[in-house]
Amino acid sequence: MATLYLSLGTNLGDRRSNLETALTLIGQRIGIIESVSDIVETEPWGYDSPNSFLNLAAKIKTGLKPLDVLKTTKKIEKSLGRSSKTGTNGYQDRIIDIDILLYDELVMESPELTIPHRLMHKRRFVLEPLAEIAPELEHPVLHTTIRQLLNEIQ
């Protein structure tokens, strides 16, 4: 079983319910949820919107391979009403967004998936919840703990 870290975010509809439903589906389709951070409310990143986000991080034990996790998270997003990952101008409001942050110590880059997530170290809305559940976890490329990465952007 691999250890997987996901970031979840939502800024449309019943945001808490969106996160709860996504976590339920993750538990059913991806693996055993070992821990979940508190929910943090954040402003949109990379675009302007009046709708703030609710974000959390989750640690999961999974038997799925990384690309299978990606396919499954996309299916979960679609089942909750997500139509596309980004709009024509980049980021946009969304019912749910599930990003793969880390998968064991794996480092991979493919057209479909990059692990670790290529922007996670720049995003407070990812690092803050992740630091809550895995502060001493080391980024496999930057060789810095999640807590240190969070402190660098504060």
Protein backbone atom coordinates (compact mmCIF):
# COMPACT_ATOMS: atom_id res chain seq x y z
CA MET A 1 0.00 0.00 0.00
CA ALA A 2 1.25 3.45 -0.92
CA THR A 3 0.82 6.62 1.12
CA LEU A 4 -0.96 9.28 -0.87
CA TYR A 5 -1.56 12.93 0.00
CA LEU A 6 -4.39 14.82 -1.68
CA SER A 7 -5.48 18.45 -1.60
CA LEU A 8 -9.20 19.19 -1.90
CA GLY A 9 -10.78 22.56 -2.57
CA THR A 10 -14.19 24.01 -3.39
CA ASN A 11 -15.68 27.46 -3.80
CA LEU A 12 -19.13 26.82 -5.28
CA GLY A 13 -22.36 25.45 -3.85
CA ASP A 14 -22.49 23.83 -0.43
CA ARG A 15 -18.74 23.83 0.09
CA ARG A 16 -18.64 21.71 3.25
CA SER A 17 -20.92 19.13 1.69
CA ASN A 18 -18.76 19.08 -1.45
CA LEU A 19 -15.69 18.24 0.65
CA GLU A 20 -17.54 15.63 2.72
CA THR A 21 -18.93 13.91 -0.38
CA ALA A 22 -15.55 13.93 -2.10
CA LEU A 23 -13.91 12.39 0.98
CA THR A 24 -16.58 9.69 1.14
CA LEU A 25 -15.99 8.82 -2.52
CA ILE A 26 -12.21 8.86 -2.03
CA GLY A 27 -12.64 6.41 0.84
CA GLN A 28 -14.81 4.16 -1.32
CA ARG A 29 -12.79 4.29 -4.54
CA ILE A 30 -9.17 5.14 -3.71
CA GLY A 31 -8.26 3.82 -0.29
CA ILE A 32 -8.28 4.12 3.45
CA ILE A 33 -8.35 7.70 4.69
CA GLU A 34 -5.86 7.84 7.57
CA SER A 35 -6.09 11.54 8.43
CA VAL A 36 -7.80 14.71 7.28
CA SER A 37 -6.79 18.27 8.16
CA ASP A 38 -9.08 20.93 9.45
CA ILE A 39 -10.77 22.98 6.76
CA VAL A 40 -9.16 26.32 5.96
CA GLU A 41 -10.89 29.16 4.14
CA THR A 42 -8.76 30.91 1.53
CA GLU A 43 -9.00 33.45 -1.25
CA PRO A 44 -8.78 32.22 -4.86
CA TRP A 45 -5.23 31.70 -6.10
CA GLY A 46 -4.24 32.73 -9.61
CA TYR A 47 -7.50 34.51 -10.49
CA ASP A 48 -10.13 36.90 -9.09
CA SER A 49 -13.44 35.68 -7.72
CA PRO A 50 -15.84 36.81 -5.00
CA ASN A 51 -16.11 33.15 -3.89
CA SER A 52 -13.63 32.02 -1.24
CA PHE A 53 -12.41 28.44 -1.07
CA LEU A 54 -12.61 25.79 1.57
CA ASN A 55 -9.48 23.61 1.44
CA LEU A 56 -8.21 20.53 3.24
CA ALA A 57 -5.54 17.87 2.91
CA ALA A 58 -5.96 14.13 3.32
CA LYS A 59 -3.60 11.21 3.85
CA ILE A 60 -4.72 7.96 2.21
CA LYS A 61 -3.37 4.42 2.02
CA THR A 62 -4.01 3.14 -1.48
CA GLY A 63 -3.34 0.10 -3.60
CA LEU A 64 -3.89 2.12 -6.78
CA LYS A 65 -1.05 3.22 -9.02
CA PRO A 66 -0.62 7.00 -9.50
CA LEU A 67 -2.32 7.22 -12.92
CA ASP A 68 -5.23 5.15 -11.60
CA VAL A 69 -5.54 7.56 -8.68
CA LEU A 70 -5.63 10.43 -11.19
CA LYS A 71 -8.35 8.75 -13.29
CA THR A 72 -10.38 8.08 -10.16
CA THR A 73 -10.09 11.63 -8.82
CA LYS A 74 -11.21 12.97 -12.19
CA LYS A 75 -14.24 10.65 -12.11
CA ILE A 76 -15.07 11.84 -8.57
CA GLU A 77 -14.79 15.48 -9.66
CA LYS A 78 -17.06 14.82 -12.64
CA SER A 79 -19.61 12.97 -10.50
CA LEU A 80 -19.82 16.03 -8.24
CA GLY A 81 -20.45 18.33 -11.20
CA ARG A 82 -16.99 19.50 -12.23
CA SER A 83 -16.90 20.08 -15.98
CA SER A 84 -13.24 20.86 -16.62
CA LYS A 85 -9.97 21.37 -14.72
CA THR A 86 -9.42 24.99 -15.81
CA GLY A 87 -11.23 27.59 -17.86
CA THR A 88 -10.05 29.12 -21.09
CA ASN A 89 -8.25 31.89 -19.17
CA GLY A 90 -6.70 29.59 -16.59
CA TYR A 91 -8.22 29.01 -13.17
CA GLN A 92 -11.93 29.30 -12.44
CA ASP A 93 -14.47 28.72 -9.67
CA ARG A 94 -15.15 25.05 -9.06
CA ILE A 95 -17.44 22.70 -7.19
CA ILE A 96 -14.52 20.44 -6.32
CA ASP A 97 -10.84 20.19 -7.09
CA ILE A 98 -8.78 17.17 -6.07
CA ASP A 99 -5.03 17.37 -6.58
CA ILE A 100 -2.48 14.63 -6.05
CA LEU A 101 0.30 16.16 -3.97
CA LEU A 102 2.55 13.25 -3.03
CA TYR A 103 2.63 9.49 -3.55
CA ASP A 104 5.19 7.83 -1.26
CA GLU A 105 8.58 9.29 -2.23
CA LEU A 106 7.77 8.98 -5.92
CA VAL A 107 9.05 11.58 -8.36
CA MET A 108 7.41 11.36 -11.78
CA GLU A 109 6.63 13.59 -14.70
CA SER A 110 4.35 12.56 -17.51
CA PRO A 111 2.00 14.44 -19.81
CA GLU A 112 -0.91 13.45 -17.53
CA LEU A 113 0.60 13.73 -14.07
CA THR A 114 3.51 15.28 -12.17
CA ILE A 115 4.37 14.07 -8.66
CA PRO A 116 5.08 15.84 -6.43
CA HIS A 117 2.52 18.44 -7.49
CA ARG A 118 4.56 21.07 -9.31
CA LEU A 119 3.05 24.08 -7.52
CA MET A 120 2.39 22.72 -4.04
CA HIS A 121 5.40 24.46 -2.48
CA LYS A 122 4.08 27.85 -3.64
CA ARG A 123 0.52 27.45 -2.40
CA ARG A 124 -0.33 28.36 1.16
CA PHE A 125 -3.80 26.82 0.76
CA VAL A 126 -2.07 23.47 0.12
CA LEU A 127 0.77 23.71 2.61
CA GLU A 128 -1.22 24.93 5.62
CA PRO A 129 -3.59 21.93 5.78
CA LEU A 130 -0.83 19.52 4.74
CA ALA A 131 1.46 20.82 7.49
CA GLU A 132 -1.29 20.10 10.00
CA ILE A 133 -1.34 16.37 9.18
CA ALA A 134 2.26 15.85 8.00
CA PRO A 135 4.55 18.66 9.18
CA GLU A 136 7.75 16.58 9.06
CA LEU A 137 7.00 14.96 5.70
CA GLU A 138 9.83 15.75 3.29
CA HIS A 139 9.24 17.01 -0.22
CA PRO A 140 11.06 14.41 -2.36
CA VAL A 141 12.54 16.96 -4.76
CA LEU A 142 13.16 20.00 -2.56
CA HIS A 143 14.29 17.89 0.43
CA THR A 144 12.54 20.28 2.79
CA THR A 145 9.77 19.48 5.26
CA ILE A 146 6.23 20.64 4.67
CA ARG A 147 6.48 22.82 7.80
CA GLN A 148 9.63 24.50 6.41
CA LEU A 149 7.97 25.08 3.04
CA LEU A 150 4.99 26.68 4.78
CA ASN A 151 7.26 28.90 6.88
CA GLU A 152 9.04 30.07 3.72
CA ILE A 153 5.85 31.48 2.19
CA GLN A 154 4.39 33.08 5.33
